[in-house]
């Protein structure tokens, strides 16, 4: 199987794409997810953010997206990296001294 065959809409798989859509299309969830990227003591590493994101969404969605897609095959690091790249100004503000 080639990389193109294994991907979906530019994401690792359909579940990763679908999870990101649910995050980005729900303002309350999106705002909470941004808070998982870091706090006043600094931004989280990509791995920490991915782990926190996975734990948070497993709790609120009980292992499945609102449209019943399993969270098991989701590439959490891919979502974390994408969100971090989209919000570098937010993260820079967290890491700079007050």
PDB file of N, CA and C in Angstrom:
ATOM      1  N   UNK A   1       0.850  -1.183   0.000  1.00  0.00           N
ATOM      2  CA  UNK A   1       0.000   0.000   0.000  1.00  0.00           C
ATOM      3  C   UNK A   1       0.894   1.245   0.000  1.00  0.00           C
ATOM      4  N   UNK A   2       0.611   2.166  -0.875  1.00  0.00           N
ATOM      5  CA  UNK A   2       1.405   3.390  -0.941  1.00  0.00           C
ATOM      6  C   UNK A   2       0.918   4.382   0.105  1.00  0.00           C
ATOM      7  N   UNK A   3       1.731   5.419   0.330  1.00  0.00           N
ATOM      8  CA  UNK A   3       1.351   6.457   1.288  1.00  0.00           C
ATOM      9  C   UNK A   3       0.052   7.120   0.867  1.00  0.00           C
ATOM     10  N   UNK A   4      -0.123   7.362  -0.428  1.00  0.00           N
ATOM     11  CA  UNK A   4      -1.344   8.005  -0.915  1.00  0.00           C
ATOM     12  C   UNK A   4      -2.568   7.152  -0.605  1.00  0.00           C
ATOM     13  N   UNK A   5      -2.431   5.833  -0.730  1.00  0.00           N
ATOM     14  CA  UNK A   5      -3.552   4.952  -0.451  1.00  0.00           C
ATOM     15  C   UNK A   5      -3.872   4.894   1.036  1.00  0.00           C
ATOM     16  N   UNK A   6      -2.845   5.076   1.873  1.00  0.00           N
ATOM     17  CA  UNK A   6      -3.032   4.952   3.313  1.00  0.00           C
ATOM     18  C   UNK A   6      -3.527   6.248   3.945  1.00  0.00           C
ATOM     19  N   UNK A   7      -3.566   7.346   3.182  1.00  0.00           N
ATOM     20  CA  UNK A   7      -3.970   8.618   3.769  1.00  0.00           C
ATOM     21  C   UNK A   7      -5.406   8.970   3.382  1.00  0.00           C
ATOM     22  N   UNK A   8      -5.923   9.976   4.086  1.00  0.00           N
ATOM     23  CA  UNK A   8      -7.295  10.413   3.833  1.00  0.00           C
ATOM     24  C   UNK A   8      -7.343  11.927   3.955  1.00  0.00           C
ATOM     25  N   UNK A   9      -7.672  12.597   2.861  1.00  0.00           N
ATOM     26  CA  UNK A   9      -7.780  14.062   2.845  1.00  0.00           C
ATOM     27  C   UNK A   9      -6.529  14.737   3.403  1.00  0.00           C
ATOM     28  N   UNK A  10      -5.357  14.127   3.153  1.00  0.00           N
ATOM     29  CA  UNK A  10      -4.100  14.694   3.626  1.00  0.00           C
ATOM     30  C   UNK A  10      -3.722  14.294   5.046  1.00  0.00           C
ATOM     31  N   UNK A  11      -4.552  13.531   5.719  1.00  0.00           N
ATOM     32  CA  UNK A  11      -4.288  13.071   7.088  1.00  0.00           C
ATOM     33  C   UNK A  11      -3.918  11.590   7.045  1.00  0.00           C
ATOM     34  N   UNK A  12      -3.387  11.073   8.147  1.00  0.00           N
ATOM     35  CA  UNK A  12      -2.960   9.677   8.229  1.00  0.00           C
ATOM     36  C   UNK A  12      -4.071   8.710   7.847  1.00  0.00           C
ATOM     37  N   UNK A  13      -5.268   8.956   8.348  1.00  0.00           N
ATOM     38  CA  UNK A  13      -6.404   8.078   8.075  1.00  0.00           C
ATOM     39  C   UNK A  13      -7.706   8.854   8.277  1.00  0.00           C
ATOM     40  N   UNK A  14      -8.819   8.224   7.971  1.00  0.00           N
ATOM     41  CA  UNK A  14     -10.113   8.891   8.085  1.00  0.00           C
ATOM     42  C   UNK A  14     -10.419   9.295   9.524  1.00  0.00           C
ATOM     43  N   UNK A  15     -10.059   8.453  10.477  1.00  0.00           N
ATOM     44  CA  UNK A  15     -10.352   8.742  11.881  1.00  0.00           C
ATOM     45  C   UNK A  15      -9.613   9.990  12.372  1.00  0.00           C
ATOM     46  N   UNK A  16      -8.375  10.161  11.932  1.00  0.00           N
ATOM     47  CA  UNK A  16      -7.601  11.349  12.322  1.00  0.00           C
ATOM     48  C   UNK A  16      -8.226  12.594  11.707  1.00  0.00           C
ATOM     49  N   UNK A  17      -8.549  12.526  10.435  1.00  0.00           N
ATOM     50  CA  UNK A  17      -9.208  13.641   9.733  1.00  0.00           C
ATOM     51  C   UNK A  17     -10.533  13.983  10.404  1.00  0.00           C
ATOM     52  N   UNK A  18     -11.333  12.973  10.674  1.00  0.00           N
ATOM     53  CA  UNK A  18     -12.657  13.176  11.268  1.00  0.00           C
ATOM     54  C   UNK A  18     -12.545  13.787  12.674  1.00  0.00           C
ATOM     55  N   UNK A  19     -11.592  13.311  13.455  1.00  0.00           N
ATOM     56  CA  UNK A  19     -11.392  13.847  14.806  1.00  0.00           C
ATOM     57  C   UNK A  19     -11.002  15.316  14.737  1.00  0.00           C
ATOM     58  N   UNK A  20     -10.076  15.654  13.833  1.00  0.00           N
ATOM     59  CA  UNK A  20      -9.695  17.054  13.695  1.00  0.00           C
ATOM     60  C   UNK A  20     -10.902  17.907  13.287  1.00  0.00           C
ATOM     61  N   UNK A  21     -11.740  17.407  12.378  1.00  0.00           N
ATOM     62  CA  UNK A  21     -12.931  18.168  11.975  1.00  0.00           C
ATOM     63  C   UNK A  21     -13.843  18.433  13.165  1.00  0.00           C
ATOM     64  N   UNK A  22     -14.043  17.424  14.007  1.00  0.00           N
ATOM     65  CA  UNK A  22     -14.900  17.621  15.186  1.00  0.00           C
ATOM     66  C   UNK A  22     -14.286  18.624  16.155  1.00  0.00           C
ATOM     67  N   UNK A  23     -12.968  18.602  16.299  1.00  0.00           N
ATOM     68  CA  UNK A  23     -12.299  19.580  17.169  1.00  0.00           C
ATOM     69  C   UNK A  23     -12.494  20.983  16.606  1.00  0.00           C
ATOM     70  N   UNK A  24     -12.208  21.137  15.322  1.00  0.00           N
ATOM     71  CA  UNK A  24     -12.203  22.479  14.731  1.00  0.00           C
ATOM     72  C   UNK A  24     -13.598  23.042  14.475  1.00  0.00           C
ATOM     73  N   UNK A  25     -14.605  22.191  14.419  1.00  0.00           N
ATOM     74  CA  UNK A  25     -15.960  22.664  14.134  1.00  0.00           C
ATOM     75  C   UNK A  25     -16.821  22.863  15.374  1.00  0.00           C
ATOM     76  N   UNK A  26     -16.249  22.654  16.544  1.00  0.00           N
ATOM     77  CA  UNK A  26     -16.969  22.880  17.796  1.00  0.00           C
ATOM     78  C   UNK A  26     -16.195  23.915  18.602  1.00  0.00           C
ATOM     79  N   UNK A  27     -16.681  25.139  18.616  1.00  0.00           N
ATOM     80  CA  UNK A  27     -15.938  26.224  19.270  1.00  0.00           C
ATOM     81  C   UNK A  27     -15.586  25.924  20.727  1.00  0.00           C
ATOM     82  N   UNK A  28     -16.515  25.412  21.545  1.00  0.00           N
ATOM     83  CA  UNK A  28     -16.138  25.123  22.939  1.00  0.00           C
ATOM     84  C   UNK A  28     -15.024  24.075  23.042  1.00  0.00           C
ATOM     85  N   UNK A  29     -15.111  23.019  22.240  1.00  0.00           N
ATOM     86  CA  UNK A  29     -14.071  21.986  22.259  1.00  0.00           C
ATOM     87  C   UNK A  29     -12.758  22.578  21.764  1.00  0.00           C
ATOM     88  N   UNK A  30     -12.812  23.351  20.686  1.00  0.00           N
ATOM     89  CA  UNK A  30     -11.612  23.953  20.116  1.00  0.00           C
ATOM     90  C   UNK A  30     -10.898  24.840  21.140  1.00  0.00           C
ATOM     91  N   UNK A  31     -11.648  25.653  21.849  1.00  0.00           N
ATOM     92  CA  UNK A  31     -11.046  26.532  22.858  1.00  0.00           C
ATOM     93  C   UNK A  31     -10.403  25.734  23.981  1.00  0.00           C
ATOM     94  N   UNK A  32     -11.046  24.662  24.396  1.00  0.00           N
ATOM     95  CA  UNK A  32     -10.458  23.815  25.438  1.00  0.00           C
ATOM     96  C   UNK A  32      -9.189  23.126  24.938  1.00  0.00           C
ATOM     97  N   UNK A  33      -9.220  22.672  23.694  1.00  0.00           N
ATOM     98  CA  UNK A  33      -8.054  22.015  23.112  1.00  0.00           C
ATOM     99  C   UNK A  33      -6.879  22.990  23.044  1.00  0.00           C
ATOM    100  N   UNK A  34      -7.133  24.238  22.669  1.00  0.00           N
ATOM    101  CA  UNK A  34      -6.047  25.225  22.643  1.00  0.00           C
ATOM    102  C   UNK A  34      -5.433  25.402  24.020  1.00  0.00           C
ATOM    103  N   UNK A  35      -6.236  25.331  25.044  1.00  0.00           N
ATOM    104  CA  UNK A  35      -5.709  25.453  26.417  1.00  0.00           C
ATOM    105  C   UNK A  35      -4.806  24.280  26.772  1.00  0.00           C
ATOM    106  N   UNK A  36      -5.036  23.124  26.157  1.00  0.00           N
ATOM    107  CA  UNK A  36      -4.183  21.959  26.413  1.00  0.00           C
ATOM    108  C   UNK A  36      -2.776  22.146  25.841  1.00  0.00           C
ATOM    109  N   UNK A  37      -2.624  23.101  24.908  1.00  0.00           N
ATOM    110  CA  UNK A  37      -1.310  23.342  24.305  1.00  0.00           C
ATOM    111  C   UNK A  37      -0.336  23.940  25.300  1.00  0.00           C
ATOM    112  N   UNK A  38      -0.836  24.535  26.355  1.00  0.00           N
ATOM    113  CA  UNK A  38       0.066  25.107  27.336  1.00  0.00           C
ATOM    114  C   UNK A  38      -0.664  26.028  28.280  1.00  0.00           C
ATOM    115  N   UNK A  39       0.096  26.588  29.196  1.00  0.00           N
ATOM    116  CA  UNK A  39      -0.461  27.518  30.176  1.00  0.00           C
ATOM    117  C   UNK A  39       0.572  28.589  30.478  1.00  0.00           C
ATOM    118  N   UNK A  40       0.377  29.318  31.528  1.00  0.00           N
ATOM    119  CA  UNK A  40       1.269  30.437  31.845  1.00  0.00           C
ATOM    120  C   UNK A  40       2.713  30.001  32.081  1.00  0.00           C
ATOM    121  N   UNK A  41       2.926  28.730  32.416  1.00  0.00           N
ATOM    122  CA  UNK A  41       4.295  28.270  32.654  1.00  0.00           C
ATOM    123  C   UNK A  41       4.995  27.849  31.359  1.00  0.00           C
ATOM    124  N   UNK A  42       4.311  27.911  30.230  1.00  0.00           N
ATOM    125  CA  UNK A  42       4.937  27.598  28.942  1.00  0.00           C
ATOM    126  C   UNK A  42       4.117  26.628  28.125  1.00  0.00           C
ATOM    127  N   UNK A  43       4.523  26.460  26.880  1.00  0.00           N
ATOM    128  CA  UNK A  43       3.796  25.561  25.993  1.00  0.00           C
ATOM    129  C   UNK A  43       4.205  24.113  26.264  1.00  0.00           C
ATOM    130  N   UNK A  44       3.287  23.215  25.988  1.00  0.00           N
ATOM    131  CA  UNK A  44       3.556  21.786  26.141  1.00  0.00           C
ATOM    132  C   UNK A  44       4.370  21.303  24.940  1.00  0.00           C
ATOM    133  N   UNK A  45       5.150  20.255  25.126  1.00  0.00           N
ATOM    134  CA  UNK A  45       5.821  19.646  23.977  1.00  0.00           C
ATOM    135  C   UNK A  45       4.749  19.000  23.109  1.00  0.00           C
ATOM    136  N   UNK A  46       5.108  18.670  21.891  1.00  0.00           N
ATOM    137  CA  UNK A  46       4.146  18.023  20.992  1.00  0.00           C
ATOM    138  C   UNK A  46       3.641  16.717  21.599  1.00  0.00           C
ATOM    139  N   UNK A  47       4.541  15.948  22.176  1.00  0.00           N
ATOM    140  CA  UNK A  47       4.147  14.680  22.791  1.00  0.00           C
ATOM    141  C   UNK A  47       3.205  14.868  23.967  1.00  0.00           C
ATOM    142  N   UNK A  48       3.519  15.840  24.822  1.00  0.00           N
ATOM    143  CA  UNK A  48       2.646  16.124  25.967  1.00  0.00           C
ATOM    144  C   UNK A  48       1.267  16.580  25.496  1.00  0.00           C
ATOM    145  N   UNK A  49       1.266  17.468  24.508  1.00  0.00           N
ATOM    146  CA  UNK A  49       0.001  17.966  23.971  1.00  0.00           C
ATOM    147  C   UNK A  49      -0.802  16.828  23.357  1.00  0.00           C
ATOM    148  N   UNK A  50      -0.153  15.968  22.576  1.00  0.00           N
ATOM    149  CA  UNK A  50      -0.843  14.835  21.949  1.00  0.00           C
ATOM    150  C   UNK A  50      -1.440  13.913  23.018  1.00  0.00           C
ATOM    151  N   UNK A  51      -0.681  13.628  24.064  1.00  0.00           N
ATOM    152  CA  UNK A  51      -1.181  12.773  25.147  1.00  0.00           C
ATOM    153  C   UNK A  51      -2.367  13.413  25.863  1.00  0.00           C
ATOM    154  N   UNK A  52      -2.243  14.704  26.160  1.00  0.00           N
ATOM    155  CA  UNK A  52      -3.338  15.413  26.837  1.00  0.00           C
ATOM    156  C   UNK A  52      -4.587  15.474  25.965  1.00  0.00           C
ATOM    157  N   UNK A  53      -4.377  15.723  24.680  1.00  0.00           N
ATOM    158  CA  UNK A  53      -5.482  15.781  23.731  1.00  0.00           C
ATOM    159  C   UNK A  53      -6.213  14.445  23.670  1.00  0.00           C
ATOM    160  N   UNK A  54      -5.459  13.366  23.557  1.00  0.00           N
ATOM    161  CA  UNK A  54      -6.055  12.034  23.502  1.00  0.00           C
ATOM    162  C   UNK A  54      -6.854  11.733  24.776  1.00  0.00           C
ATOM    163  N   UNK A  55      -6.265  11.979  25.927  1.00  0.00           N
ATOM    164  CA  UNK A  55      -6.960  11.708  27.194  1.00  0.00           C
ATOM    165  C   UNK A  55      -8.225  12.542  27.327  1.00  0.00           C
ATOM    166  N   UNK A  56      -8.128  13.819  26.999  1.00  0.00           N
ATOM    167  CA  UNK A  56      -9.263  14.727  27.103  1.00  0.00           C
ATOM    168  C   UNK A  56     -10.419  14.276  26.208  1.00  0.00           C
ATOM    169  N   UNK A  57     -10.124  13.993  24.940  1.00  0.00           N
ATOM    170  CA  UNK A  57     -11.201  13.627  24.020  1.00  0.00           C
ATOM    171  C   UNK A  57     -11.763  12.232  24.310  1.00  0.00           C
ATOM    172  N   UNK A  58     -10.931  11.325  24.796  1.00  0.00           N
ATOM    173  CA  UNK A  58     -11.455  10.006  25.194  1.00  0.00           C
ATOM    174  C   UNK A  58     -12.470  10.174  26.329  1.00  0.00           C
ATOM    175  N   UNK A  59     -12.189  11.087  27.235  1.00  0.00           N
ATOM    176  CA  UNK A  59     -13.110  11.307  28.357  1.00  0.00           C
ATOM    177  C   UNK A  59     -14.409  11.943  27.892  1.00  0.00           C
ATOM    178  N   UNK A  60     -14.313  13.045  27.143  1.00  0.00           N
ATOM    179  CA  UNK A  60     -15.557  13.749  26.783  1.00  0.00           C
ATOM    180  C   UNK A  60     -16.357  13.028  25.707  1.00  0.00           C
ATOM    181  N   UNK A  61     -15.680  12.280  24.825  1.00  0.00           N
ATOM    182  CA  UNK A  61     -16.394  11.582  23.755  1.00  0.00           C
ATOM    183  C   UNK A  61     -16.536  10.080  24.014  1.00  0.00           C
ATOM    184  N   UNK A  62     -16.030   9.603  25.115  1.00  0.00           N
ATOM    185  CA  UNK A  62     -16.133   8.188  25.496  1.00  0.00           C
ATOM    186  C   UNK A  62     -15.628   7.236  24.409  1.00  0.00           C
ATOM    187  N   UNK A  63     -14.470   7.586  23.813  1.00  0.00           N
ATOM    188  CA  UNK A  63     -13.820   6.692  22.863  1.00  0.00           C
ATOM    189  C   UNK A  63     -14.302   6.780  21.430  1.00  0.00           C
ATOM    190  N   UNK A  64     -15.289   7.625  21.157  1.00  0.00           N
ATOM    191  CA  UNK A  64     -15.814   7.754  19.795  1.00  0.00           C
ATOM    192  C   UNK A  64     -16.172   9.212  19.528  1.00  0.00           C
ATOM    193  N   UNK A  65     -15.980   9.649  18.302  1.00  0.00           N
ATOM    194  CA  UNK A  65     -16.385  11.001  17.931  1.00  0.00           C
ATOM    195  C   UNK A  65     -17.912  11.084  17.979  1.00  0.00           C
ATOM    196  N   UNK A  66     -18.461  12.292  17.969  1.00  0.00           N
ATOM    197  CA  UNK A  66     -19.924  12.416  17.998  1.00  0.00           C
ATOM    198  C   UNK A  66     -20.645  11.696  16.845  1.00  0.00           C
ATOM    199  N   UNK A  67     -19.943  11.445  15.738  1.00  0.00           N
ATOM    200  CA  UNK A  67     -20.571  10.683  14.648  1.00  0.00           C
ATOM    201  C   UNK A  67     -20.173   9.201  14.680  1.00  0.00           C
ATOM    202  N   UNK A  68     -19.672   8.756  15.834  1.00  0.00           N
ATOM    203  CA  UNK A  68     -19.416   7.341  16.122  1.00  0.00           C
ATOM    204  C   UNK A  68     -18.158   6.758  15.473  1.00  0.00           C
ATOM    205  N   UNK A  69     -17.167   7.579  15.161  1.00  0.00           N
ATOM    206  CA  UNK A  69     -15.880   7.085  14.660  1.00  0.00           C
ATOM    207  C   UNK A  69     -14.999   6.733  15.856  1.00  0.00           C
ATOM    208  N   UNK A  70     -14.353   5.601  15.801  1.00  0.00           N
ATOM    209  CA  UNK A  70     -13.465   5.183  16.884  1.00  0.00           C
ATOM    210  C   UNK A  70     -12.261   6.109  16.991  1.00  0.00           C
ATOM    211  N   UNK A  71     -11.833   6.370  18.228  1.00  0.00           N
ATOM    212  CA  UNK A  71     -10.636   7.182  18.453  1.00  0.00           C
ATOM    213  C   UNK A  71      -9.368   6.323  18.488  1.00  0.00           C
ATOM    214  N   UNK A  72      -9.507   4.997  18.460  1.00  0.00           N
ATOM    215  CA  UNK A  72      -8.332   4.119  18.570  1.00  0.00           C
ATOM    216  C   UNK A  72      -7.284   4.358  17.484  1.00  0.00           C
ATOM    217  N   UNK A  73      -7.666   4.485  16.192  1.00  0.00           N
ATOM    218  CA  UNK A  73      -6.631   4.645  15.168  1.00  0.00           C
ATOM    219  C   UNK A  73      -6.164   6.084  14.930  1.00  0.00           C
ATOM    220  N   UNK A  74      -6.620   7.033  15.734  1.00  0.00           N
ATOM    221  CA  UNK A  74      -6.288   8.440  15.519  1.00  0.00           C
ATOM    222  C   UNK A  74      -4.795   8.684  15.740  1.00  0.00           C
ATOM    223  N   UNK A  75      -4.203   9.457  14.848  1.00  0.00           N
ATOM    224  CA  UNK A  75      -2.807   9.863  14.985  1.00  0.00           C
ATOM    225  C   UNK A  75      -2.789  11.176  15.765  1.00  0.00           C
ATOM    226  N   UNK A  76      -2.677  11.083  17.089  1.00  0.00           N
ATOM    227  CA  UNK A  76      -2.764  12.246  17.970  1.00  0.00           C
ATOM    228  C   UNK A  76      -1.597  13.204  17.767  1.00  0.00           C
ATOM    229  N   UNK A  77      -0.427  12.672  17.466  1.00  0.00           N
ATOM    230  CA  UNK A  77       0.743  13.527  17.239  1.00  0.00           C
ATOM    231  C   UNK A  77       0.526  14.378  15.985  1.00  0.00           C
ATOM    232  N   UNK A  78      -0.061  13.802  14.956  1.00  0.00           N
ATOM    233  CA  UNK A  78      -0.329  14.568  13.735  1.00  0.00           C
ATOM    234  C   UNK A  78      -1.277  15.740  14.017  1.00  0.00           C
ATOM    235  N   UNK A  79      -2.336  15.492  14.773  1.00  0.00           N
ATOM    236  CA  UNK A  79      -3.275  16.568  15.118  1.00  0.00           C
ATOM    237  C   UNK A  79      -2.569  17.614  15.980  1.00  0.00           C
ATOM    238  N   UNK A  80      -1.793  17.166  16.960  1.00  0.00           N
ATOM    239  CA  UNK A  80      -1.079  18.090  17.845  1.00  0.00           C
ATOM    240  C   UNK A  80      -0.113  18.966  17.048  1.00  0.00           C
ATOM    241  N   UNK A  81       0.641  18.359  16.154  1.00  0.00           N
ATOM    242  CA  UNK A  81       1.592  19.126  15.348  1.00  0.00           C
ATOM    243  C   UNK A  81       0.868  20.146  14.468  1.00  0.00           C
ATOM    244  N   UNK A  82      -0.236  19.743  13.878  1.00  0.00           N
ATOM    245  CA  UNK A  82      -0.985  20.658  13.027  1.00  0.00           C
ATOM    246  C   UNK A  82      -1.512  21.841  13.834  1.00  0.00           C
ATOM    247  N   UNK A  83      -2.116  21.568  14.971  1.00  0.00           N
ATOM    248  CA  UNK A  83      -2.647  22.652  15.804  1.00  0.00           C
ATOM    249  C   UNK A  83      -1.531  23.572  16.291  1.00  0.00           C
ATOM    250  N   UNK A  84      -0.408  23.000  16.688  1.00  0.00           N
ATOM    251  CA  UNK A  84       0.714  23.822  17.134  1.00  0.00           C
ATOM    252  C   UNK A  84       1.242  24.701  16.006  1.00  0.00           C
ATOM    253  N   UNK A  85       1.309  24.162  14.797  1.00  0.00           N
ATOM    254  CA  UNK A  85       1.802  24.958  13.668  1.00  0.00           C
ATOM    255  C   UNK A  85       0.832  26.075  13.308  1.00  0.00           C
ATOM    256  N   UNK A  86      -0.452  25.851  13.526  1.00  0.00           N
ATOM    257  CA  UNK A  86      -1.463  26.861  13.237  1.00  0.00           C
ATOM    258  C   UNK A  86      -1.514  27.962  14.292  1.00  0.00           C
ATOM    259  N   UNK A  87      -0.961  27.703  15.451  1.00  0.00           N
ATOM    260  CA  UNK A  87      -1.080  28.639  16.570  1.00  0.00           C
ATOM    261  C   UNK A  87       0.267  28.992  17.179  1.00  0.00           C
ATOM    262  N   UNK A  88       1.273  29.216  16.337  1.00  0.00           N
ATOM    263  CA  UNK A  88       2.605  29.531  16.852  1.00  0.00           C
ATOM    264  C   UNK A  88       2.619  30.837  17.637  1.00  0.00           C
ATOM    265  N   UNK A  89       1.835  31.832  17.243  1.00  0.00           N
ATOM    266  CA  UNK A  89       1.801  33.096  17.994  1.00  0.00           C
ATOM    267  C   UNK A  89       1.272  32.870  19.404  1.00  0.00           C
ATOM    268  N   UNK A  90       0.254  32.034  19.532  1.00  0.00           N
ATOM    269  CA  UNK A  90      -0.305  31.705  20.837  1.00  0.00           C
ATOM    270  C   UNK A  90       0.763  31.031  21.700  1.00  0.00           C
ATOM    271  N   UNK A  91       1.476  30.068  21.107  1.00  0.00           N
ATOM    272  CA  UNK A  91       2.501  29.341  21.853  1.00  0.00           C
ATOM    273  C   UNK A  91       3.680  30.238  22.206  1.00  0.00           C
ATOM    274  N   UNK A  92       4.076  31.128  21.298  1.00  0.00           N
ATOM    275  CA  UNK A  92       5.172  32.047  21.593  1.00  0.00           C
ATOM    276  C   UNK A  92       4.828  32.929  22.783  1.00  0.00           C
ATOM    277  N   UNK A  93       3.577  33.346  22.887  1.00  0.00           N
ATOM    278  CA  UNK A  93       3.140  34.159  24.009  1.00  0.00           C
ATOM    279  C   UNK A  93       3.225  33.406  25.325  1.00  0.00           C
ATOM    280  N   UNK A  94       3.000  32.100  25.276  1.00  0.00           N
ATOM    281  CA  UNK A  94       3.086  31.294  26.498  1.00  0.00           C
ATOM    282  C   UNK A  94       4.523  31.152  26.973  1.00  0.00           C
ATOM    283  N   UNK A  95       5.452  31.089  26.038  1.00  0.00           N
ATOM    284  CA  UNK A  95       6.846  30.846  26.379  1.00  0.00           C
ATOM    285  C   UNK A  95       7.624  32.106  26.718  1.00  0.00           C
ATOM    286  N   UNK A  96       7.091  33.272  26.386  1.00  0.00           N
ATOM    287  CA  UNK A  96       7.835  34.503  26.669  1.00  0.00           C
ATOM    288  C   UNK A  96       7.571  34.962  28.109  1.00  0.00           C
ATOM    289  N   UNK A  97       8.579  35.565  28.729  1.00  0.00           N
ATOM    290  CA  UNK A  97       8.413  36.023  30.123  1.00  0.00           C
ATOM    291  C   UNK A  97       7.369  37.146  30.188  1.00  0.00           C
ATOM    292  N   UNK A  98       6.684  37.259  31.331  1.00  0.00           N
ATOM    293  CA  UNK A  98       5.642  38.294  31.469  1.00  0.00           C
ATOM    294  C   UNK A  98       6.212  39.694  31.462  1.00  0.00           C
TER     295      UNK A  98
END
